[in-house]
Amino acid sequence: MKKVDIVIPCLNEENVLEQSIDTLRNFLKENMSEYDNTITIADNGSTDATLEIAKRLTEQYPEVRFNTLDKKGRGRALKKTWSESDADIVSYMDVDLSTDLKALPPMINAIANENYHLGTGTRLAKNSNTKRGFKRDFISRVYNLMVKTILWTKYSDAQCGFKAVDKKIYDQLHPVLKDNEWFFDTEMLTIAEKKGFKLFEIPVTWIEDTDSRVKIINTAYKYIRDLIRLRTRIIFKKI
């Protein structure tokens, strides 16, 4: 039985964490019993009650674990947690479960049984069902167009918070993954594609988190900077 580790990065998520973990636990029991599933809460420098809730859930449910980091950054949390995981397949999703969980079994199955190396949700495919405001949708589409133009990639959606990767493949990618924040997803998918790893994209149903704390202007500046840096690394074969 293959082990699957589903990581939930958290930063001050006391309002939604427990409900989301309960929803995910029940879904896994009903839809993914063929795998040995664990849920790892990666507390990423929270200052509210997130860590206390994570500890309580770990004591209450044997399949729930927690990891804690002092520094913020989704990439940093994923790199630490995935590297330490003993699972065959490591994955992550946003704590608000914006992506419909129905996409999880086929994504995991593609890696476990269909010779794919990575899996990712896409909100930009024809069969995707996305509910979000015009502004964020426009920014997302522009960003993904920039990714294709600057990095010469084929995948459609760099930043959907719903991904999985074969742990052996991740261990090969880990040494060249430099970003510790939001650009981590783009960097990992791009380098994996350039190295010839097989990527499974699945259209998802995705509902915008209206409580998102992403600072769009500041994040956009960092993305453009990091896109240019990654292109330079690709040109000089430093990946």
C-alpha atoms as a PDB file:
ATOM      1  CA  MET A   1       0.000   0.000   0.000  1.00  0.00           C
ATOM      2  CA  LYS A   2       1.508   3.308  -1.080  1.00  0.00           C
ATOM      3  CA  LYS A   3       1.853   6.082   1.486  1.00  0.00           C
ATOM      4  CA  VAL A   4       0.438   9.500   0.639  1.00  0.00           C
ATOM      5  CA  ASP A   5       1.269  12.588   2.702  1.00  0.00           C
ATOM      6  CA  ILE A   6      -1.057  15.568   2.237  1.00  0.00           C
ATOM      7  CA  VAL A   7       0.478  18.744   3.595  1.00  0.00           C
ATOM      8  CA  ILE A   8      -1.627  21.712   4.669  1.00  0.00           C
ATOM      9  CA  PRO A   9       0.538  24.864   4.961  1.00  0.00           C
ATOM     10  CA  CYS A  10      -0.910  27.235   7.554  1.00  0.00           C
ATOM     11  CA  LEU A  11      -0.325  30.805   8.625  1.00  0.00           C
ATOM     12  CA  ASN A  12      -2.820  32.071  11.209  1.00  0.00           C
ATOM     13  CA  GLU A  13      -5.647  29.769  10.128  1.00  0.00           C
ATOM     14  CA  GLU A  14      -7.364  29.173  13.461  1.00  0.00           C
ATOM     15  CA  ASN A  15     -10.788  29.933  11.973  1.00  0.00           C
ATOM     16  CA  VAL A  16     -10.775  27.218   9.296  1.00  0.00           C
ATOM     17  CA  LEU A  17      -8.141  24.639  10.219  1.00  0.00           C
ATOM     18  CA  GLU A  18     -10.174  22.206  12.296  1.00  0.00           C
ATOM     19  CA  GLN A  19     -13.157  22.169   9.943  1.00  0.00           C
ATOM     20  CA  SER A  20     -10.907  21.662   6.916  1.00  0.00           C
ATOM     21  CA  ILE A  21      -9.005  18.788   8.545  1.00  0.00           C
ATOM     22  CA  ASP A  22     -12.280  17.073   9.468  1.00  0.00           C
ATOM     23  CA  THR A  23     -13.550  17.480   5.902  1.00  0.00           C
ATOM     24  CA  LEU A  24     -10.312  16.120   4.449  1.00  0.00           C
ATOM     25  CA  ARG A  25     -10.164  13.178   6.878  1.00  0.00           C
ATOM     26  CA  ASN A  26     -13.680  12.087   6.014  1.00  0.00           C
ATOM     27  CA  PHE A  27     -13.027  12.430   2.288  1.00  0.00           C
ATOM     28  CA  LEU A  28      -9.892  10.300   2.466  1.00  0.00           C
ATOM     29  CA  LYS A  29     -11.673   7.541   4.365  1.00  0.00           C
ATOM     30  CA  GLU A  30     -14.505   7.431   1.848  1.00  0.00           C
ATOM     31  CA  ASN A  31     -12.545   7.919  -1.377  1.00  0.00           C
ATOM     32  CA  MET A  32      -8.887   6.958  -0.922  1.00  0.00           C
ATOM     33  CA  SER A  33      -8.857   3.921   1.360  1.00  0.00           C
ATOM     34  CA  GLU A  34      -6.498   2.087  -1.019  1.00  0.00           C
ATOM     35  CA  TYR A  35      -3.695   4.367   0.192  1.00  0.00           C
ATOM     36  CA  ASP A  36      -2.035   4.817   3.558  1.00  0.00           C
ATOM     37  CA  ASN A  37      -2.923   8.493   4.017  1.00  0.00           C
ATOM     38  CA  THR A  38      -1.460  10.999   6.423  1.00  0.00           C
ATOM     39  CA  ILE A  39      -2.268  14.687   6.823  1.00  0.00           C
ATOM     40  CA  THR A  40       0.557  16.977   7.897  1.00  0.00           C
ATOM     41  CA  ILE A  41      -0.259  20.460   9.150  1.00  0.00           C
ATOM     42  CA  ALA A  42       2.729  22.689   8.409  1.00  0.00           C
ATOM     43  CA  ASP A  43       2.423  25.640  10.763  1.00  0.00           C
ATOM     44  CA  ASN A  44       4.371  28.412   9.111  1.00  0.00           C
ATOM     45  CA  GLY A  45       5.059  30.988  11.811  1.00  0.00           C
ATOM     46  CA  SER A  46       1.479  31.446  13.060  1.00  0.00           C
ATOM     47  CA  THR A  47       0.877  33.843  15.919  1.00  0.00           C
ATOM     48  CA  ASP A  48      -2.724  32.846  16.636  1.00  0.00           C
ATOM     49  CA  ALA A  49      -4.051  29.484  17.930  1.00  0.00           C
ATOM     50  CA  THR A  50      -3.197  27.531  14.771  1.00  0.00           C
ATOM     51  CA  LEU A  51      -0.371  25.551  16.373  1.00  0.00           C
ATOM     52  CA  GLU A  52      -2.440  24.682  19.442  1.00  0.00           C
ATOM     53  CA  ILE A  53      -5.255  23.412  17.221  1.00  0.00           C
ATOM     54  CA  ALA A  54      -2.765  21.408  15.161  1.00  0.00           C
ATOM     55  CA  LYS A  55      -1.329  19.766  18.282  1.00  0.00           C
ATOM     56  CA  ARG A  56      -4.809  18.868  19.536  1.00  0.00           C
ATOM     57  CA  LEU A  57      -5.796  17.352  16.187  1.00  0.00           C
ATOM     58  CA  THR A  58      -2.590  15.309  16.167  1.00  0.00           C
ATOM     59  CA  GLU A  59      -3.419  13.909  19.599  1.00  0.00           C
ATOM     60  CA  GLN A  60      -6.987  13.184  18.524  1.00  0.00           C
ATOM     61  CA  TYR A  61      -6.341  11.522  15.155  1.00  0.00           C
ATOM     62  CA  PRO A  62      -3.425   9.129  14.472  1.00  0.00           C
ATOM     63  CA  GLU A  63      -3.326  10.019  10.756  1.00  0.00           C
ATOM     64  CA  VAL A  64      -2.794  13.730  11.475  1.00  0.00           C
ATOM     65  CA  ARG A  65       0.686  15.129  12.101  1.00  0.00           C
ATOM     66  CA  PHE A  66       2.078  18.611  12.478  1.00  0.00           C
ATOM     67  CA  ASN A  67       5.298  20.391  11.648  1.00  0.00           C
ATOM     68  CA  THR A  68       6.239  23.869  12.737  1.00  0.00           C
ATOM     69  CA  LEU A  69       8.577  26.518  11.327  1.00  0.00           C
ATOM     70  CA  ASP A  70       9.518  29.874  12.790  1.00  0.00           C
ATOM     71  CA  LYS A  71       9.874  31.572   9.400  1.00  0.00           C
ATOM     72  CA  LYS A  72       7.071  32.287   6.950  1.00  0.00           C
ATOM     73  CA  GLY A  73       6.906  31.105   3.347  1.00  0.00           C
ATOM     74  CA  ARG A  74       4.846  28.397   1.653  1.00  0.00           C
ATOM     75  CA  GLY A  75       7.847  27.113  -0.265  1.00  0.00           C
ATOM     76  CA  ARG A  76       9.882  26.892   2.924  1.00  0.00           C
ATOM     77  CA  ALA A  77       7.119  24.930   4.663  1.00  0.00           C
ATOM     78  CA  LEU A  78       6.691  22.504   1.782  1.00  0.00           C
ATOM     79  CA  LYS A  79      10.404  21.905   1.296  1.00  0.00           C
ATOM     80  CA  LYS A  80      10.926  21.084   4.961  1.00  0.00           C
ATOM     81  CA  THR A  81       7.839  18.902   5.317  1.00  0.00           C
ATOM     82  CA  TRP A  82       8.195  17.039   2.028  1.00  0.00           C
ATOM     83  CA  SER A  83      11.894  16.400   2.617  1.00  0.00           C
ATOM     84  CA  GLU A  84      11.191  14.871   6.015  1.00  0.00           C
ATOM     85  CA  SER A  85       8.212  12.801   4.842  1.00  0.00           C
ATOM     86  CA  ASP A  86       8.433   9.002   4.608  1.00  0.00           C
ATOM     87  CA  ALA A  87       5.586   8.842   2.064  1.00  0.00           C
ATOM     88  CA  ASP A  88       5.774   7.518  -1.495  1.00  0.00           C
ATOM     89  CA  ILE A  89       3.784  10.511  -2.759  1.00  0.00           C
ATOM     90  CA  VAL A  90       3.846  13.974  -1.195  1.00  0.00           C
ATOM     91  CA  SER A  91       1.202  16.579  -1.933  1.00  0.00           C
ATOM     92  CA  TYR A  92      -0.298  19.799  -0.682  1.00  0.00           C
ATOM     93  CA  MET A  93      -3.483  21.807  -0.830  1.00  0.00           C
ATOM     94  CA  ASP A  94      -4.634  25.162   0.498  1.00  0.00           C
ATOM     95  CA  VAL A  95      -6.076  25.083   4.006  1.00  0.00           C
ATOM     96  CA  ASP A  96      -9.393  26.583   2.860  1.00  0.00           C
ATOM     97  CA  LEU A  97      -9.905  23.626   0.472  1.00  0.00           C
ATOM     98  CA  SER A  98     -10.607  26.037  -2.379  1.00  0.00           C
ATOM     99  CA  THR A  99     -10.046  23.161  -4.803  1.00  0.00           C
ATOM    100  CA  ASP A 100     -12.800  20.538  -4.840  1.00  0.00           C
ATOM    101  CA  LEU A 101     -11.406  17.363  -3.276  1.00  0.00           C
ATOM    102  CA  LYS A 102     -12.887  15.215  -6.058  1.00  0.00           C
ATOM    103  CA  ALA A 103      -9.765  16.021  -8.070  1.00  0.00           C
ATOM    104  CA  LEU A 104      -7.463  14.453  -5.474  1.00  0.00           C
ATOM    105  CA  PRO A 105      -7.945  10.704  -6.163  1.00  0.00           C
ATOM    106  CA  PRO A 106      -7.298  10.908  -9.927  1.00  0.00           C
ATOM    107  CA  MET A 107      -4.248  13.113  -9.350  1.00  0.00           C
ATOM    108  CA  ILE A 108      -2.759  10.700  -6.818  1.00  0.00           C
ATOM    109  CA  ASN A 109      -3.689   7.700  -8.959  1.00  0.00           C
ATOM    110  CA  ALA A 110      -1.896   9.205 -11.966  1.00  0.00           C
ATOM    111  CA  ILE A 111       1.346   9.232  -9.972  1.00  0.00           C
ATOM    112  CA  ALA A 112       0.812   5.936  -8.166  1.00  0.00           C
ATOM    113  CA  ASN A 113      -0.376   3.853 -11.129  1.00  0.00           C
ATOM    114  CA  GLU A 114      -0.017   5.702 -14.436  1.00  0.00           C
ATOM    115  CA  ASN A 115       3.685   6.589 -14.493  1.00  0.00           C
ATOM    116  CA  TYR A 116       3.246  10.324 -13.970  1.00  0.00           C
ATOM    117  CA  HIS A 117       5.873  12.069 -11.844  1.00  0.00           C
ATOM    118  CA  LEU A 118       3.952  15.164 -10.737  1.00  0.00           C
ATOM    119  CA  GLY A 119       0.318  16.219 -10.593  1.00  0.00           C
ATOM    120  CA  THR A 120      -1.267  19.660 -10.476  1.00  0.00           C
ATOM    121  CA  GLY A 121      -4.703  21.169 -10.610  1.00  0.00           C
ATOM    122  CA  THR A 122      -5.512  23.678 -13.330  1.00  0.00           C
ATOM    123  CA  ARG A 123      -8.141  26.382 -13.127  1.00  0.00           C
ATOM    124  CA  LEU A 124      -7.586  27.415 -16.746  1.00  0.00           C
ATOM    125  CA  ALA A 125      -8.629  24.312 -18.684  1.00  0.00           C
ATOM    126  CA  LYS A 126     -11.905  24.219 -20.616  1.00  0.00           C
ATOM    127  CA  ASN A 127     -13.360  21.710 -18.161  1.00  0.00           C
ATOM    128  CA  SER A 128     -12.359  23.697 -15.079  1.00  0.00           C
ATOM    129  CA  ASN A 129     -15.057  25.386 -13.028  1.00  0.00           C
ATOM    130  CA  THR A 130     -13.659  28.479 -11.367  1.00  0.00           C
ATOM    131  CA  LYS A 131     -15.488  31.045  -9.282  1.00  0.00           C
ATOM    132  CA  ARG A 132     -13.489  34.179  -8.561  1.00  0.00           C
ATOM    133  CA  GLY A 133     -13.558  37.903  -9.144  1.00  0.00           C
ATOM    134  CA  PHE A 134     -12.609  39.455 -12.471  1.00  0.00           C
ATOM    135  CA  LYS A 135      -9.502  41.172 -11.070  1.00  0.00           C
ATOM    136  CA  ARG A 136      -7.901  38.033  -9.634  1.00  0.00           C
ATOM    137  CA  ASP A 137      -8.888  35.962 -12.664  1.00  0.00           C
ATOM    138  CA  PHE A 138      -7.316  38.541 -15.002  1.00  0.00           C
ATOM    139  CA  ILE A 139      -4.109  38.698 -12.957  1.00  0.00           C
ATOM    140  CA  SER A 140      -3.867  34.907 -12.889  1.00  0.00           C
ATOM    141  CA  ARG A 141      -4.276  34.619 -16.650  1.00  0.00           C
ATOM    142  CA  VAL A 142      -1.715  37.351 -17.299  1.00  0.00           C
ATOM    143  CA  TYR A 143       0.750  35.699 -14.942  1.00  0.00           C
ATOM    144  CA  ASN A 144       0.388  32.290 -16.578  1.00  0.00           C
ATOM    145  CA  LEU A 145       0.823  33.881 -20.000  1.00  0.00           C
ATOM    146  CA  MET A 146       4.040  35.471 -18.717  1.00  0.00           C
ATOM    147  CA  VAL A 147       5.212  32.098 -17.431  1.00  0.00           C
ATOM    148  CA  LYS A 148       4.736  30.527 -20.860  1.00  0.00           C
ATOM    149  CA  THR A 149       6.379  33.457 -22.642  1.00  0.00           C
ATOM    150  CA  ILE A 150       9.373  33.886 -20.358  1.00  0.00           C
ATOM    151  CA  LEU A 151      10.032  30.292 -19.319  1.00  0.00           C
ATOM    152  CA  TRP A 152       8.832  28.469 -22.476  1.00  0.00           C
ATOM    153  CA  THR A 153       6.586  26.081 -20.548  1.00  0.00           C
ATOM    154  CA  LYS A 154       3.620  23.921 -21.568  1.00  0.00           C
ATOM    155  CA  TYR A 155       1.637  23.531 -18.344  1.00  0.00           C
ATOM    156  CA  SER A 156      -1.382  25.812 -18.001  1.00  0.00           C
ATOM    157  CA  ASP A 157      -1.678  26.909 -14.358  1.00  0.00           C
ATOM    158  CA  ALA A 158       1.416  27.562 -12.279  1.00  0.00           C
ATOM    159  CA  GLN A 159      -0.132  28.691  -9.008  1.00  0.00           C
ATOM    160  CA  CYS A 160      -3.088  26.431  -8.262  1.00  0.00           C
ATOM    161  CA  GLY A 161      -2.618  25.363  -4.630  1.00  0.00           C
ATOM    162  CA  PHE A 162      -3.201  21.690  -5.362  1.00  0.00           C
ATOM    163  CA  LYS A 163      -0.182  19.582  -6.249  1.00  0.00           C
ATOM    164  CA  ALA A 164       1.438  16.177  -5.751  1.00  0.00           C
ATOM    165  CA  VAL A 165       4.786  14.650  -6.629  1.00  0.00           C
ATOM    166  CA  ASP A 166       6.462  11.265  -6.450  1.00  0.00           C
ATOM    167  CA  LYS A 167       8.763  11.529  -3.417  1.00  0.00           C
ATOM    168  CA  LYS A 168      11.738  10.064  -5.300  1.00  0.00           C
ATOM    169  CA  ILE A 169      11.302  12.703  -7.996  1.00  0.00           C
ATOM    170  CA  TYR A 170      10.941  15.444  -5.401  1.00  0.00           C
ATOM    171  CA  ASP A 171      14.201  14.330  -3.803  1.00  0.00           C
ATOM    172  CA  GLN A 172      15.882  14.887  -7.174  1.00  0.00           C
ATOM    173  CA  LEU A 173      14.302  18.328  -7.575  1.00  0.00           C
ATOM    174  CA  HIS A 174      14.854  19.540  -4.025  1.00  0.00           C
ATOM    175  CA  PRO A 175      18.525  20.579  -4.348  1.00  0.00           C
ATOM    176  CA  VAL A 176      17.747  23.023  -7.178  1.00  0.00           C
ATOM    177  CA  LEU A 177      14.573  24.545  -5.715  1.00  0.00           C
ATOM    178  CA  LYS A 178      15.570  27.933  -4.336  1.00  0.00           C
ATOM    179  CA  ASP A 179      12.319  29.790  -3.676  1.00  0.00           C
ATOM    180  CA  ASN A 180      10.839  29.719  -0.177  1.00  0.00           C
ATOM    181  CA  GLU A 181       7.638  31.629  -0.866  1.00  0.00           C
ATOM    182  CA  TRP A 182       4.811  31.709  -3.442  1.00  0.00           C
ATOM    183  CA  PHE A 183       7.021  31.237  -6.501  1.00  0.00           C
ATOM    184  CA  PHE A 184       7.904  27.717  -5.315  1.00  0.00           C
ATOM    185  CA  ASP A 185       5.082  26.162  -7.394  1.00  0.00           C
ATOM    186  CA  THR A 186       6.181  27.811 -10.631  1.00  0.00           C
ATOM    187  CA  GLU A 187       9.810  26.934 -10.018  1.00  0.00           C
ATOM    188  CA  MET A 188       9.081  23.271  -9.265  1.00  0.00           C
ATOM    189  CA  LEU A 189       6.781  22.728 -12.254  1.00  0.00           C
ATOM    190  CA  THR A 190       9.129  24.518 -14.635  1.00  0.00           C
ATOM    191  CA  ILE A 191      12.274  22.685 -13.572  1.00  0.00           C
ATOM    192  CA  ALA A 192      10.436  19.349 -13.578  1.00  0.00           C
ATOM    193  CA  GLU A 193       9.218  20.011 -17.117  1.00  0.00           C
ATOM    194  CA  LYS A 194      12.691  21.042 -18.300  1.00  0.00           C
ATOM    195  CA  LYS A 195      14.124  17.843 -16.833  1.00  0.00           C
ATOM    196  CA  GLY A 196      11.606  15.759 -18.760  1.00  0.00           C
ATOM    197  CA  PHE A 197       9.433  14.576 -15.899  1.00  0.00           C
ATOM    198  CA  LYS A 198       5.861  13.662 -16.788  1.00  0.00           C
ATOM    199  CA  LEU A 199       3.218  16.106 -15.503  1.00  0.00           C
ATOM    200  CA  PHE A 200      -0.463  15.258 -14.964  1.00  0.00           C
ATOM    201  CA  GLU A 201      -2.799  18.264 -15.127  1.00  0.00           C
ATOM    202  CA  ILE A 202      -6.368  17.879 -13.941  1.00  0.00           C
ATOM    203  CA  PRO A 203      -9.136  20.470 -14.415  1.00  0.00           C
ATOM    204  CA  VAL A 204     -10.541  21.459 -11.038  1.00  0.00           C
ATOM    205  CA  THR A 205     -13.530  23.117  -9.486  1.00  0.00           C
ATOM    206  CA  TRP A 206     -12.112  26.050  -7.560  1.00  0.00           C
ATOM    207  CA  ILE A 207     -13.810  28.708  -5.448  1.00  0.00           C
ATOM    208  CA  GLU A 208     -11.960  31.884  -4.541  1.00  0.00           C
ATOM    209  CA  ASP A 209     -10.985  32.417  -0.925  1.00  0.00           C
ATOM    210  CA  THR A 210     -12.432  35.841  -0.152  1.00  0.00           C
ATOM    211  CA  ASP A 211     -10.276  35.937   2.993  1.00  0.00           C
ATOM    212  CA  SER A 212      -7.042  35.660   1.006  1.00  0.00           C
ATOM    213  CA  ARG A 213      -4.240  37.762   2.476  1.00  0.00           C
ATOM    214  CA  VAL A 214      -2.056  37.795  -0.621  1.00  0.00           C
ATOM    215  CA  LYS A 215      -0.780  41.324  -1.370  1.00  0.00           C
ATOM    216  CA  ILE A 216      -1.311  41.376  -5.121  1.00  0.00           C
ATOM    217  CA  ILE A 217       0.995  44.270  -6.115  1.00  0.00           C
ATOM    218  CA  ASN A 218       3.903  43.152  -3.959  1.00  0.00           C
ATOM    219  CA  THR A 219       3.458  39.524  -5.019  1.00  0.00           C
ATOM    220  CA  ALA A 220       3.291  40.497  -8.710  1.00  0.00           C
ATOM    221  CA  TYR A 221       6.612  42.345  -8.419  1.00  0.00           C
ATOM    222  CA  LYS A 222       8.263  39.326  -6.807  1.00  0.00           C
ATOM    223  CA  TYR A 223       6.836  36.981  -9.459  1.00  0.00           C
ATOM    224  CA  ILE A 224       8.247  39.069 -12.324  1.00  0.00           C
ATOM    225  CA  ARG A 225      11.622  39.266 -10.604  1.00  0.00           C
ATOM    226  CA  ASP A 226      11.677  35.521  -9.980  1.00  0.00           C
ATOM    227  CA  LEU A 227      10.548  34.685 -13.518  1.00  0.00           C
ATOM    228  CA  ILE A 228      13.528  36.589 -14.884  1.00  0.00           C
ATOM    229  CA  ARG A 229      15.879  34.914 -12.428  1.00  0.00           C
ATOM    230  CA  LEU A 230      14.592  31.449 -13.310  1.00  0.00           C
ATOM    231  CA  ARG A 231      14.886  32.139 -17.040  1.00  0.00           C
ATOM    232  CA  THR A 232      18.519  33.162 -16.471  1.00  0.00           C
ATOM    233  CA  ARG A 233      19.155  29.900 -14.632  1.00  0.00           C
ATOM    234  CA  ILE A 234      17.573  27.942 -17.493  1.00  0.00           C
ATOM    235  CA  ILE A 235      19.629  29.753 -20.135  1.00  0.00           C
ATOM    236  CA  PHE A 236      22.864  29.063 -18.260  1.00  0.00           C
ATOM    237  CA  LYS A 237      21.752  25.506 -17.393  1.00  0.00           C
ATOM    238  CA  LYS A 238      21.874  26.046 -13.643  1.00  0.00           C
ATOM    239  CA  ILE A 239      18.884  23.859 -12.871  1.00  0.00           C
END
